[in-house]
Amino acid sequence: MARMRVRLTFPPALIQEPIVYRLVKDFDIVINIRRAEVKTDHGWMVLELEGDEGVLERGVRWLKDRGVQVDPIERDVIVP
């Protein structure tokens, strides 16, 4: 099982969408929400993701394709 930490930033159009639910349900990725802030016009989450490496890659690609900004995190620092 591979693990990664990411920060997801959601555009306003996706705030009401069940993005994290789909990530868990469709890709069988185990998530741990470390921090989050979701308002009516913006939102972000820091997640730990766990799953097979290929599944994590497909899940991240799906997030990006949906319009979610995905930034990897290493030691609580967002990697550019």
N, C-alpha and C. Protein backbone atom coordinates (compact mmCIF):
# COMPACT_ATOMS: atom_id res chain seq x y z
N MET A 1 0.84 -1.18 0.00
CA MET A 1 0.00 0.00 0.00
C MET A 1 0.88 1.24 0.00
N ALA A 2 0.56 2.15 -0.91
CA ALA A 2 1.27 3.42 -1.00
C ALA A 2 0.49 4.48 -0.23
N ARG A 3 1.20 5.51 0.20
CA ARG A 3 0.56 6.62 0.92
C ARG A 3 1.05 7.93 0.32
N MET A 4 0.18 8.92 0.35
CA MET A 4 0.56 10.26 -0.05
C MET A 4 -0.28 11.27 0.70
N ARG A 5 0.28 12.45 0.87
CA ARG A 5 -0.46 13.56 1.48
C ARG A 5 -0.63 14.63 0.43
N VAL A 6 -1.83 15.16 0.33
CA VAL A 6 -2.13 16.17 -0.68
C VAL A 6 -3.02 17.25 -0.09
N ARG A 7 -2.95 18.41 -0.70
CA ARG A 7 -3.90 19.49 -0.40
C ARG A 7 -4.76 19.64 -1.64
N LEU A 8 -6.06 19.54 -1.45
CA LEU A 8 -7.02 19.72 -2.55
C LEU A 8 -7.65 21.09 -2.40
N THR A 9 -7.68 21.84 -3.49
CA THR A 9 -8.34 23.14 -3.51
C THR A 9 -9.46 23.05 -4.53
N PHE A 10 -10.67 23.35 -4.06
CA PHE A 10 -11.87 23.19 -4.88
C PHE A 10 -12.33 24.53 -5.43
N PRO A 11 -12.62 24.60 -6.74
CA PRO A 11 -13.21 25.81 -7.29
C PRO A 11 -14.67 25.92 -6.84
N PRO A 12 -15.24 27.11 -6.88
CA PRO A 12 -16.62 27.31 -6.41
C PRO A 12 -17.63 26.35 -7.04
N ALA A 13 -17.47 26.01 -8.30
CA ALA A 13 -18.43 25.15 -8.98
C ALA A 13 -18.46 23.73 -8.42
N LEU A 14 -17.41 23.32 -7.70
CA LEU A 14 -17.35 21.95 -7.19
C LEU A 14 -17.63 21.83 -5.70
N ILE A 15 -17.92 22.93 -5.03
CA ILE A 15 -18.11 22.90 -3.58
C ILE A 15 -19.25 21.95 -3.18
N GLN A 16 -20.31 21.90 -3.95
CA GLN A 16 -21.46 21.06 -3.61
C GLN A 16 -21.36 19.63 -4.13
N GLU A 17 -20.29 19.32 -4.87
CA GLU A 17 -20.12 17.98 -5.45
C GLU A 17 -19.50 17.02 -4.44
N PRO A 18 -19.90 15.74 -4.44
CA PRO A 18 -19.35 14.76 -3.52
C PRO A 18 -18.01 14.19 -4.01
N ILE A 19 -17.03 15.04 -4.21
CA ILE A 19 -15.75 14.66 -4.79
C ILE A 19 -15.03 13.61 -3.93
N VAL A 20 -14.93 13.85 -2.64
CA VAL A 20 -14.19 12.92 -1.77
C VAL A 20 -14.91 11.58 -1.69
N TYR A 21 -16.22 11.61 -1.64
CA TYR A 21 -17.00 10.37 -1.65
C TYR A 21 -16.68 9.55 -2.91
N ARG A 22 -16.66 10.19 -4.06
CA ARG A 22 -16.38 9.50 -5.32
C ARG A 22 -14.96 8.93 -5.31
N LEU A 23 -14.03 9.67 -4.74
CA LEU A 23 -12.64 9.20 -4.65
C LEU A 23 -12.57 7.89 -3.86
N VAL A 24 -13.29 7.83 -2.76
CA VAL A 24 -13.31 6.63 -1.92
C VAL A 24 -14.07 5.50 -2.61
N LYS A 25 -15.27 5.80 -3.08
CA LYS A 25 -16.16 4.78 -3.65
C LYS A 25 -15.66 4.22 -4.98
N ASP A 26 -15.27 5.12 -5.90
CA ASP A 26 -14.89 4.69 -7.25
C ASP A 26 -13.47 4.15 -7.35
N PHE A 27 -12.57 4.63 -6.48
CA PHE A 27 -11.16 4.24 -6.59
C PHE A 27 -10.69 3.38 -5.42
N ASP A 28 -11.54 3.16 -4.43
CA ASP A 28 -11.19 2.33 -3.28
C ASP A 28 -9.94 2.87 -2.58
N ILE A 29 -9.89 4.18 -2.42
CA ILE A 29 -8.79 4.85 -1.74
C ILE A 29 -9.23 5.13 -0.30
N VAL A 30 -8.37 4.80 0.64
CA VAL A 30 -8.63 5.10 2.05
C VAL A 30 -8.13 6.51 2.31
N ILE A 31 -9.00 7.35 2.89
CA ILE A 31 -8.60 8.73 3.15
C ILE A 31 -8.64 9.03 4.64
N ASN A 32 -7.80 9.97 5.03
CA ASN A 32 -7.81 10.51 6.37
C ASN A 32 -7.79 12.02 6.21
N ILE A 33 -8.84 12.68 6.63
CA ILE A 33 -8.91 14.14 6.52
C ILE A 33 -8.12 14.74 7.67
N ARG A 34 -7.06 15.46 7.34
CA ARG A 34 -6.20 16.06 8.36
C ARG A 34 -6.62 17.49 8.70
N ARG A 35 -7.03 18.24 7.70
CA ARG A 35 -7.51 19.61 7.89
C ARG A 35 -8.44 19.93 6.73
N ALA A 36 -9.36 20.86 6.99
CA ALA A 36 -10.26 21.25 5.91
C ALA A 36 -10.95 22.56 6.26
N GLU A 37 -11.30 23.27 5.21
CA GLU A 37 -12.14 24.46 5.34
C GLU A 37 -13.00 24.51 4.09
N VAL A 38 -14.30 24.47 4.30
CA VAL A 38 -15.23 24.51 3.17
C VAL A 38 -16.25 25.61 3.45
N LYS A 39 -16.30 26.57 2.56
CA LYS A 39 -17.25 27.68 2.64
C LYS A 39 -18.17 27.60 1.42
N THR A 40 -19.07 28.53 1.30
CA THR A 40 -20.00 28.50 0.17
C THR A 40 -19.31 28.81 -1.16
N ASP A 41 -18.20 29.52 -1.13
CA ASP A 41 -17.56 29.94 -2.39
C ASP A 41 -16.16 29.37 -2.60
N HIS A 42 -15.62 28.65 -1.65
CA HIS A 42 -14.30 28.02 -1.82
C HIS A 42 -14.12 26.91 -0.79
N GLY A 43 -13.13 26.09 -1.04
CA GLY A 43 -12.85 25.03 -0.08
C GLY A 43 -11.50 24.40 -0.33
N TRP A 44 -10.90 23.86 0.73
CA TRP A 44 -9.66 23.11 0.61
C TRP A 44 -9.65 22.02 1.67
N MET A 45 -8.87 20.98 1.40
CA MET A 45 -8.72 19.86 2.33
C MET A 45 -7.29 19.36 2.26
N VAL A 46 -6.76 18.95 3.40
CA VAL A 46 -5.50 18.24 3.45
C VAL A 46 -5.85 16.79 3.77
N LEU A 47 -5.47 15.90 2.87
CA LEU A 47 -5.82 14.49 3.00
C LEU A 47 -4.58 13.61 3.00
N GLU A 48 -4.64 12.53 3.75
CA GLU A 48 -3.70 11.43 3.58
C GLU A 48 -4.45 10.38 2.77
N LEU A 49 -3.84 9.94 1.70
CA LEU A 49 -4.45 8.93 0.82
C LEU A 49 -3.66 7.64 0.93
N GLU A 50 -4.36 6.51 0.94
CA GLU A 50 -3.70 5.22 1.00
C GLU A 50 -4.38 4.26 0.04
N GLY A 51 -3.55 3.56 -0.74
CA GLY A 51 -4.06 2.60 -1.71
C GLY A 51 -2.93 2.10 -2.58
N ASP A 52 -3.24 1.26 -3.54
CA ASP A 52 -2.22 0.82 -4.48
C ASP A 52 -1.71 2.03 -5.26
N GLU A 53 -0.43 2.01 -5.59
CA GLU A 53 0.19 3.17 -6.24
C GLU A 53 -0.54 3.57 -7.53
N GLY A 54 -0.88 2.60 -8.35
CA GLY A 54 -1.58 2.89 -9.60
C GLY A 54 -2.96 3.49 -9.35
N VAL A 55 -3.63 3.01 -8.32
CA VAL A 55 -4.96 3.53 -7.98
C VAL A 55 -4.84 4.98 -7.50
N LEU A 56 -3.83 5.28 -6.69
CA LEU A 56 -3.63 6.65 -6.23
C LEU A 56 -3.37 7.59 -7.42
N GLU A 57 -2.54 7.14 -8.35
CA GLU A 57 -2.25 7.95 -9.54
C GLU A 57 -3.52 8.21 -10.34
N ARG A 58 -4.34 7.19 -10.53
CA ARG A 58 -5.60 7.37 -11.28
C ARG A 58 -6.55 8.29 -10.53
N GLY A 59 -6.62 8.15 -9.21
CA GLY A 59 -7.48 9.02 -8.41
C GLY A 59 -7.06 10.47 -8.49
N VAL A 60 -5.75 10.73 -8.41
CA VAL A 60 -5.26 12.11 -8.51
C VAL A 60 -5.52 12.66 -9.90
N ARG A 61 -5.32 11.85 -10.92
CA ARG A 61 -5.60 12.30 -12.29
C ARG A 61 -7.08 12.65 -12.44
N TRP A 62 -7.95 11.83 -11.87
CA TRP A 62 -9.39 12.09 -11.93
C TRP A 62 -9.73 13.41 -11.24
N LEU A 63 -9.14 13.66 -10.06
CA LEU A 63 -9.36 14.92 -9.36
C LEU A 63 -8.98 16.11 -10.23
N LYS A 64 -7.80 16.04 -10.83
CA LYS A 64 -7.32 17.13 -11.69
C LYS A 64 -8.24 17.31 -12.90
N ASP A 65 -8.67 16.21 -13.49
CA ASP A 65 -9.58 16.28 -14.64
C ASP A 65 -10.91 16.94 -14.27
N ARG A 66 -11.34 16.77 -13.03
CA ARG A 66 -12.59 17.39 -12.56
C ARG A 66 -12.42 18.88 -12.28
N GLY A 67 -11.17 19.35 -12.17
CA GLY A 67 -10.93 20.76 -11.90
C GLY A 67 -10.44 21.06 -10.50
N VAL A 68 -10.12 20.01 -9.74
CA VAL A 68 -9.59 20.18 -8.39
C VAL A 68 -8.08 20.40 -8.50
N GLN A 69 -7.58 21.41 -7.80
CA GLN A 69 -6.13 21.62 -7.75
C GLN A 69 -5.56 20.66 -6.72
N VAL A 70 -4.55 19.87 -7.12
CA VAL A 70 -3.95 18.87 -6.23
C VAL A 70 -2.49 19.24 -6.03
N ASP A 71 -2.11 19.53 -4.79
CA ASP A 71 -0.73 19.86 -4.45
C ASP A 71 -0.20 18.82 -3.48
N PRO A 72 0.92 18.16 -3.84
CA PRO A 72 1.51 17.20 -2.91
C PRO A 72 2.08 17.91 -1.68
N ILE A 73 2.07 17.23 -0.56
CA ILE A 73 2.59 17.78 0.69
C ILE A 73 3.69 16.86 1.21
N GLU A 74 4.79 17.45 1.61
CA GLU A 74 5.86 16.71 2.27
C GLU A 74 6.19 17.43 3.56
N ARG A 75 6.04 16.73 4.68
CA ARG A 75 6.33 17.29 5.99
C ARG A 75 5.62 18.62 6.23
N ASP A 76 4.35 18.64 5.94
CA ASP A 76 3.51 19.82 6.14
C ASP A 76 3.91 21.02 5.30
N VAL A 77 4.64 20.78 4.21
CA VAL A 77 5.00 21.84 3.27
C VAL A 77 4.44 21.47 1.92
N ILE A 78 3.72 22.40 1.31
CA ILE A 78 3.17 22.15 -0.03
C ILE A 78 4.31 22.24 -1.03
N VAL A 79 4.47 21.22 -1.84
CA VAL A 79 5.56 21.16 -2.82
C VAL A 79 5.08 21.82 -4.11
N PRO A 80 5.85 22.81 -4.60
CA PRO A 80 5.43 23.50 -5.84
C PRO A 80 5.53 22.59 -7.06
